[in-house]
Amino acid sequence: MKLLKNNQTHNATLLIGSNLGDSQTLIEQARGLIQTNVGVIIQQTQLLKNEPVGFISLHPFFNQIVVAKTPLTPHQLIDALEDIERTLGRTKPCCDWRKPRQYADRTMDIDILFYGDLNISDQKLEIPHPKIKERDFVLKLLQELN
């Protein structure tokens, strides 16, 4: 795994969410796996319970934002986070790229909100996360960090 030059680290602001299974325990496990596979968590918000956004579900979400100091590049980071999601039971249905993204219940979802002050937009990654301003729960948790 190629790390940043000169052992350089960046602060990655991550949104952790779950609405299936024991969500609170899954988020705790996600934090542990982030500490092991991504970097040191230097800040975290409270756990916030909220209704799903973008789809109808009987299961509310639990969400938390953490800031991790990581030596991983942004693309390595997204790969590591997807591995953590799979480890915690996340499955993603095969999607038709011509159709809009379908939201669904999930055991684990980890999004990169920010990676330092970088702006990235490619086929795999968009940083800052493009839906931050559309999600009140994210704005509320970001305010808690500040």
C-alpha atoms as a PDB file:
ATOM      1  CA  MET A   1       0.000   0.000   0.000  1.00  0.00           C
ATOM      2  CA  LYS A   2       1.515   3.302  -1.072  1.00  0.00           C
ATOM      3  CA  LEU A   3       1.378   5.929   1.653  1.00  0.00           C
ATOM      4  CA  LEU A   4       1.730   9.682   1.415  1.00  0.00           C
ATOM      5  CA  LYS A   5       5.246  11.089   1.044  1.00  0.00           C
ATOM      6  CA  ASN A   6       7.481  11.559   4.085  1.00  0.00           C
ATOM      7  CA  ASN A   7       5.041   9.865   6.477  1.00  0.00           C
ATOM      8  CA  GLN A   8       2.687  12.794   5.892  1.00  0.00           C
ATOM      9  CA  THR A   9      -0.796  12.492   7.391  1.00  0.00           C
ATOM     10  CA  HIS A  10      -4.056  14.252   6.697  1.00  0.00           C
ATOM     11  CA  ASN A  11      -7.234  14.658   8.682  1.00  0.00           C
ATOM     12  CA  ALA A  12     -10.079  12.688   7.133  1.00  0.00           C
ATOM     13  CA  THR A  13     -13.585  13.584   8.302  1.00  0.00           C
ATOM     14  CA  LEU A  14     -15.747  10.476   8.062  1.00  0.00           C
ATOM     15  CA  LEU A  15     -19.476   9.902   8.482  1.00  0.00           C
ATOM     16  CA  ILE A  16     -20.354   6.509   9.956  1.00  0.00           C
ATOM     17  CA  GLY A  17     -23.946   5.290   9.701  1.00  0.00           C
ATOM     18  CA  SER A  18     -25.997   2.155  10.333  1.00  0.00           C
ATOM     19  CA  ASN A  19     -29.686   1.269  10.408  1.00  0.00           C
ATOM     20  CA  LEU A  20     -29.679  -2.550  10.420  1.00  0.00           C
ATOM     21  CA  GLY A  21     -28.670  -4.869  13.230  1.00  0.00           C
ATOM     22  CA  ASP A  22     -27.257  -3.513  16.478  1.00  0.00           C
ATOM     23  CA  SER A  23     -26.325  -0.163  14.939  1.00  0.00           C
ATOM     24  CA  GLN A  24     -24.704   1.300  18.033  1.00  0.00           C
ATOM     25  CA  THR A  25     -22.407  -1.725  18.436  1.00  0.00           C
ATOM     26  CA  LEU A  26     -21.639  -1.751  14.700  1.00  0.00           C
ATOM     27  CA  ILE A  27     -20.599   1.912  14.834  1.00  0.00           C
ATOM     28  CA  GLU A  28     -18.371   1.150  17.821  1.00  0.00           C
ATOM     29  CA  GLN A  29     -16.801  -1.720  15.856  1.00  0.00           C
ATOM     30  CA  ALA A  30     -16.352   0.582  12.846  1.00  0.00           C
ATOM     31  CA  ARG A  31     -14.453   3.071  15.019  1.00  0.00           C
ATOM     32  CA  GLY A  32     -12.176   0.242  16.183  1.00  0.00           C
ATOM     33  CA  LEU A  33     -11.521  -0.888  12.614  1.00  0.00           C
ATOM     34  CA  ILE A  34     -10.851   2.708  11.553  1.00  0.00           C
ATOM     35  CA  GLN A  35      -8.275   2.975  14.357  1.00  0.00           C
ATOM     36  CA  THR A  36      -6.651  -0.266  13.166  1.00  0.00           C
ATOM     37  CA  ASN A  37      -6.827   0.169   9.380  1.00  0.00           C
ATOM     38  CA  VAL A  38      -7.073   3.898   8.673  1.00  0.00           C
ATOM     39  CA  GLY A  39      -5.487   6.001  11.398  1.00  0.00           C
ATOM     40  CA  VAL A  40      -5.875   7.505  14.831  1.00  0.00           C
ATOM     41  CA  ILE A  41      -9.277   8.979  15.616  1.00  0.00           C
ATOM     42  CA  ILE A  42      -8.580  12.428  17.014  1.00  0.00           C
ATOM     43  CA  GLN A  43     -12.139  13.697  17.327  1.00  0.00           C
ATOM     44  CA  GLN A  44     -15.659  12.287  17.328  1.00  0.00           C
ATOM     45  CA  THR A  45     -19.207  13.533  17.721  1.00  0.00           C
ATOM     46  CA  GLN A  46     -22.080  12.137  19.695  1.00  0.00           C
ATOM     47  CA  LEU A  47     -24.145   9.332  18.197  1.00  0.00           C
ATOM     48  CA  LEU A  48     -27.194  10.837  16.502  1.00  0.00           C
ATOM     49  CA  LYS A  49     -30.431   8.955  15.738  1.00  0.00           C
ATOM     50  CA  ASN A  50     -32.293  10.172  12.660  1.00  0.00           C
ATOM     51  CA  GLU A  51     -34.717   9.092   9.960  1.00  0.00           C
ATOM     52  CA  PRO A  52     -33.345   7.761   6.656  1.00  0.00           C
ATOM     53  CA  VAL A  53     -32.815  10.347   3.921  1.00  0.00           C
ATOM     54  CA  GLY A  54     -33.615   9.501   0.316  1.00  0.00           C
ATOM     55  CA  PHE A  55     -35.696   6.377   0.952  1.00  0.00           C
ATOM     56  CA  ILE A  56     -38.444   5.033   3.191  1.00  0.00           C
ATOM     57  CA  SER A  57     -37.511   2.579   5.930  1.00  0.00           C
ATOM     58  CA  LEU A  58     -38.887   1.363   9.235  1.00  0.00           C
ATOM     59  CA  HIS A  59     -35.361   1.468  10.657  1.00  0.00           C
ATOM     60  CA  PRO A  60     -33.883   4.783  11.873  1.00  0.00           C
ATOM     61  CA  PHE A  61     -30.212   5.483  11.315  1.00  0.00           C
ATOM     62  CA  PHE A  62     -27.555   6.066  13.905  1.00  0.00           C
ATOM     63  CA  ASN A  63     -24.799   8.371  12.651  1.00  0.00           C
ATOM     64  CA  GLN A  64     -21.537   9.708  13.984  1.00  0.00           C
ATOM     65  CA  ILE A  65     -18.717  11.777  12.532  1.00  0.00           C
ATOM     66  CA  VAL A  66     -15.107  10.966  13.348  1.00  0.00           C
ATOM     67  CA  VAL A  67     -11.924  12.722  12.314  1.00  0.00           C
ATOM     68  CA  ALA A  68      -9.009  10.361  11.720  1.00  0.00           C
ATOM     69  CA  LYS A  69      -5.389  11.314  11.147  1.00  0.00           C
ATOM     70  CA  THR A  70      -4.409   9.012   8.289  1.00  0.00           C
ATOM     71  CA  PRO A  71      -1.329   8.290   6.184  1.00  0.00           C
ATOM     72  CA  LEU A  72      -3.541   6.811   3.435  1.00  0.00           C
ATOM     73  CA  THR A  73      -4.149   8.620   0.169  1.00  0.00           C
ATOM     74  CA  PRO A  74      -7.823   9.456  -0.535  1.00  0.00           C
ATOM     75  CA  HIS A  75      -8.215   6.475  -2.898  1.00  0.00           C
ATOM     76  CA  GLN A  76      -6.543   4.113  -0.439  1.00  0.00           C
ATOM     77  CA  LEU A  77      -8.833   5.507   2.233  1.00  0.00           C
ATOM     78  CA  ILE A  78     -12.034   4.795   0.291  1.00  0.00           C
ATOM     79  CA  ASP A  79     -10.803   1.245  -0.391  1.00  0.00           C
ATOM     80  CA  ALA A  80     -10.057   0.715   3.322  1.00  0.00           C
ATOM     81  CA  LEU A  81     -13.486   2.096   4.307  1.00  0.00           C
ATOM     82  CA  GLU A  82     -15.249  -0.188   1.818  1.00  0.00           C
ATOM     83  CA  ASP A  83     -13.341  -3.143   3.336  1.00  0.00           C
ATOM     84  CA  ILE A  84     -14.570  -2.104   6.794  1.00  0.00           C
ATOM     85  CA  GLU A  85     -18.138  -1.847   5.496  1.00  0.00           C
ATOM     86  CA  ARG A  86     -17.925  -5.387   4.067  1.00  0.00           C
ATOM     87  CA  THR A  87     -16.381  -6.717   7.287  1.00  0.00           C
ATOM     88  CA  LEU A  88     -19.380  -5.324   9.173  1.00  0.00           C
ATOM     89  CA  GLY A  89     -21.901  -6.943   6.847  1.00  0.00           C
ATOM     90  CA  ARG A  90     -22.490  -4.318   4.165  1.00  0.00           C
ATOM     91  CA  THR A  91     -23.627  -5.640   0.838  1.00  0.00           C
ATOM     92  CA  LYS A  92     -24.165  -3.436  -2.172  1.00  0.00           C
ATOM     93  CA  PRO A  93     -26.588  -4.597  -4.823  1.00  0.00           C
ATOM     94  CA  CYS A  94     -25.304  -4.617  -8.362  1.00  0.00           C
ATOM     95  CA  CYS A  95     -26.393  -1.372  -9.949  1.00  0.00           C
ATOM     96  CA  ASP A  96     -27.246  -0.381 -13.473  1.00  0.00           C
ATOM     97  CA  TRP A  97     -25.008   2.646 -14.075  1.00  0.00           C
ATOM     98  CA  ARG A  98     -27.756   4.213 -16.224  1.00  0.00           C
ATOM     99  CA  LYS A  99     -30.171   4.417 -13.276  1.00  0.00           C
ATOM    100  CA  PRO A 100     -29.938   6.771 -10.312  1.00  0.00           C
ATOM    101  CA  ARG A 101     -28.348   5.379  -7.173  1.00  0.00           C
ATOM    102  CA  GLN A 102     -30.857   3.501  -5.038  1.00  0.00           C
ATOM    103  CA  TYR A 103     -30.604   3.937  -1.277  1.00  0.00           C
ATOM    104  CA  ALA A 104     -31.298   0.974   0.998  1.00  0.00           C
ATOM    105  CA  ASP A 105     -31.053  -0.156   4.605  1.00  0.00           C
ATOM    106  CA  ARG A 106     -27.524  -1.153   5.596  1.00  0.00           C
ATOM    107  CA  THR A 107     -25.495  -2.470   8.487  1.00  0.00           C
ATOM    108  CA  MET A 108     -22.670  -0.029   7.774  1.00  0.00           C
ATOM    109  CA  ASP A 109     -21.993   2.993   5.632  1.00  0.00           C
ATOM    110  CA  ILE A 110     -18.849   5.115   5.891  1.00  0.00           C
ATOM    111  CA  ASP A 111     -18.525   8.233   3.759  1.00  0.00           C
ATOM    112  CA  ILE A 112     -15.567  10.572   3.373  1.00  0.00           C
ATOM    113  CA  LEU A 113     -16.887  14.076   4.011  1.00  0.00           C
ATOM    114  CA  PHE A 114     -13.527  15.879   3.865  1.00  0.00           C
ATOM    115  CA  TYR A 115      -9.887  14.947   3.382  1.00  0.00           C
ATOM    116  CA  GLY A 116      -7.863  17.897   4.608  1.00  0.00           C
ATOM    117  CA  ASP A 117      -8.679  20.732   2.237  1.00  0.00           C
ATOM    118  CA  LEU A 118      -8.485  18.626  -0.935  1.00  0.00           C
ATOM    119  CA  ASN A 119     -11.084  18.722  -3.674  1.00  0.00           C
ATOM    120  CA  ILE A 120     -11.364  15.515  -5.686  1.00  0.00           C
ATOM    121  CA  SER A 121     -13.871  14.500  -8.344  1.00  0.00           C
ATOM    122  CA  ASP A 122     -13.384  11.324 -10.337  1.00  0.00           C
ATOM    123  CA  GLN A 123     -15.293   8.133 -11.109  1.00  0.00           C
ATOM    124  CA  LYS A 124     -14.699   6.623  -7.661  1.00  0.00           C
ATOM    125  CA  LEU A 125     -14.514   9.567  -5.306  1.00  0.00           C
ATOM    126  CA  GLU A 126     -15.928  13.025  -4.702  1.00  0.00           C
ATOM    127  CA  ILE A 127     -14.480  15.123  -1.880  1.00  0.00           C
ATOM    128  CA  PRO A 128     -15.929  17.126  -0.226  1.00  0.00           C
ATOM    129  CA  HIS A 129     -18.934  14.804  -0.173  1.00  0.00           C
ATOM    130  CA  PRO A 130     -21.483  16.311  -2.598  1.00  0.00           C
ATOM    131  CA  LYS A 131     -24.551  15.817  -0.366  1.00  0.00           C
ATOM    132  CA  ILE A 132     -23.325  17.430   2.868  1.00  0.00           C
ATOM    133  CA  LYS A 133     -25.565  20.499   2.555  1.00  0.00           C
ATOM    134  CA  GLU A 134     -28.626  18.353   1.753  1.00  0.00           C
ATOM    135  CA  ARG A 135     -28.445  16.389   5.008  1.00  0.00           C
ATOM    136  CA  ASP A 136     -29.394  18.261   8.143  1.00  0.00           C
ATOM    137  CA  PHE A 137     -28.040  15.513  10.409  1.00  0.00           C
ATOM    138  CA  VAL A 138     -24.593  15.885   8.823  1.00  0.00           C
ATOM    139  CA  LEU A 139     -24.646  19.662   9.300  1.00  0.00           C
ATOM    140  CA  LYS A 140     -25.709  19.203  12.934  1.00  0.00           C
ATOM    141  CA  LEU A 141     -22.848  16.775  13.593  1.00  0.00           C
ATOM    142  CA  LEU A 142     -20.333  19.025  11.796  1.00  0.00           C
ATOM    143  CA  GLN A 143     -21.414  21.928  14.004  1.00  0.00           C
ATOM    144  CA  GLU A 144     -20.652  19.756  17.031  1.00  0.00           C
ATOM    145  CA  LEU A 145     -17.072  19.276  15.777  1.00  0.00           C
ATOM    146  CA  ASN A 146     -16.600  23.027  15.579  1.00  0.00           C
END
